[in-house]
Amino acid sequence: MNYRVKYWRWINEQAGEWYRTGLMTKENAEKVAESFRQSHEQVEVYYDDDGKRTN
């Protein structure tokens, strides 16, 4: 359970920021990412090797 989904959210027309989900299994992260891809421009599943990283 060391995977997160990182996704880009626009705050306004000029600016946005990356958001990250909590830790989950790779299978669940892939499902979440697929869902997010329908509403967010950039979505990435990544392995969080220490489980503590926040950015």
C-alpha atoms as a PDB file:
ATOM      1  CA  MET A   1       0.000   0.000   0.000  1.00  0.00           C
ATOM      2  CA  ASN A   2       2.636   2.522  -0.987  1.00  0.00           C
ATOM      3  CA  TYR A   3       1.103   4.133  -4.041  1.00  0.00           C
ATOM      4  CA  ARG A   4      -0.388   7.579  -4.459  1.00  0.00           C
ATOM      5  CA  VAL A   5      -2.119   9.394  -7.264  1.00  0.00           C
ATOM      6  CA  LYS A   6      -0.844  12.868  -8.084  1.00  0.00           C
ATOM      7  CA  TYR A   7      -3.171  15.122 -10.066  1.00  0.00           C
ATOM      8  CA  TRP A   8      -3.180  18.701 -11.302  1.00  0.00           C
ATOM      9  CA  ARG A   9      -6.034  21.022 -10.308  1.00  0.00           C
ATOM     10  CA  TRP A  10      -6.489  24.476 -11.752  1.00  0.00           C
ATOM     11  CA  ILE A  11      -7.195  27.131  -9.105  1.00  0.00           C
ATOM     12  CA  ASN A  12      -8.101  29.719 -11.728  1.00  0.00           C
ATOM     13  CA  GLU A  13      -7.324  30.305 -15.413  1.00  0.00           C
ATOM     14  CA  GLN A  14      -3.683  31.186 -14.718  1.00  0.00           C
ATOM     15  CA  ALA A  15      -2.685  28.991 -11.797  1.00  0.00           C
ATOM     16  CA  GLY A  16      -3.011  25.481 -10.463  1.00  0.00           C
ATOM     17  CA  GLU A  17      -1.284  23.049  -8.131  1.00  0.00           C
ATOM     18  CA  TRP A  18      -0.564  19.382  -7.614  1.00  0.00           C
ATOM     19  CA  TYR A  19      -2.708  17.397  -5.184  1.00  0.00           C
ATOM     20  CA  ARG A  20      -1.968  13.898  -3.888  1.00  0.00           C
ATOM     21  CA  THR A  21      -4.138  11.142  -2.550  1.00  0.00           C
ATOM     22  CA  GLY A  22      -3.439   9.056   0.522  1.00  0.00           C
ATOM     23  CA  LEU A  23      -1.546   5.783   0.339  1.00  0.00           C
ATOM     24  CA  MET A  24      -3.262   2.862  -1.370  1.00  0.00           C
ATOM     25  CA  THR A  25      -2.550  -0.353  -3.219  1.00  0.00           C
ATOM     26  CA  LYS A  26      -1.315  -0.149  -6.795  1.00  0.00           C
ATOM     27  CA  GLU A  27      -4.572  -1.647  -8.054  1.00  0.00           C
ATOM     28  CA  ASN A  28      -6.665   0.962  -6.254  1.00  0.00           C
ATOM     29  CA  ALA A  29      -4.336   3.767  -7.352  1.00  0.00           C
ATOM     30  CA  GLU A  30      -4.784   2.716 -10.986  1.00  0.00           C
ATOM     31  CA  LYS A  31      -8.573   2.763 -10.578  1.00  0.00           C
ATOM     32  CA  VAL A  32      -8.520   6.199  -8.937  1.00  0.00           C
ATOM     33  CA  ALA A  33      -6.166   7.535 -11.613  1.00  0.00           C
ATOM     34  CA  GLU A  34      -8.430   6.301 -14.383  1.00  0.00           C
ATOM     35  CA  SER A  35     -11.367   8.083 -12.786  1.00  0.00           C
ATOM     36  CA  PHE A  36      -9.364  11.285 -12.272  1.00  0.00           C
ATOM     37  CA  ARG A  37      -8.216  11.287 -15.908  1.00  0.00           C
ATOM     38  CA  GLN A  38     -11.760  12.136 -16.933  1.00  0.00           C
ATOM     39  CA  SER A  39     -11.715  15.437 -15.017  1.00  0.00           C
ATOM     40  CA  HIS A  40      -8.037  16.414 -14.589  1.00  0.00           C
ATOM     41  CA  GLU A  41      -5.455  17.282 -17.225  1.00  0.00           C
ATOM     42  CA  GLN A  42      -2.488  15.573 -15.611  1.00  0.00           C
ATOM     43  CA  VAL A  43      -2.678  12.422 -13.493  1.00  0.00           C
ATOM     44  CA  GLU A  44       0.181  10.215 -12.363  1.00  0.00           C
ATOM     45  CA  VAL A  45       0.414   7.063 -10.225  1.00  0.00           C
ATOM     46  CA  TYR A  46       3.663   6.804  -8.312  1.00  0.00           C
ATOM     47  CA  TYR A  47       5.302   4.586  -5.720  1.00  0.00           C
ATOM     48  CA  ASP A  48       5.843   6.367  -2.400  1.00  0.00           C
ATOM     49  CA  ASP A  49       8.864   4.587  -0.986  1.00  0.00           C
ATOM     50  CA  ASP A  50       8.762   6.113   2.479  1.00  0.00           C
ATOM     51  CA  GLY A  51       5.031   6.759   2.901  1.00  0.00           C
ATOM     52  CA  LYS A  52       5.720  10.118   4.493  1.00  0.00           C
ATOM     53  CA  ARG A  53       6.498  12.368   1.552  1.00  0.00           C
ATOM     54  CA  THR A  54       4.081  15.270   1.155  1.00  0.00           C
ATOM     55  CA  ASN A  55       5.272  16.915  -2.070  1.00  0.00           C
END
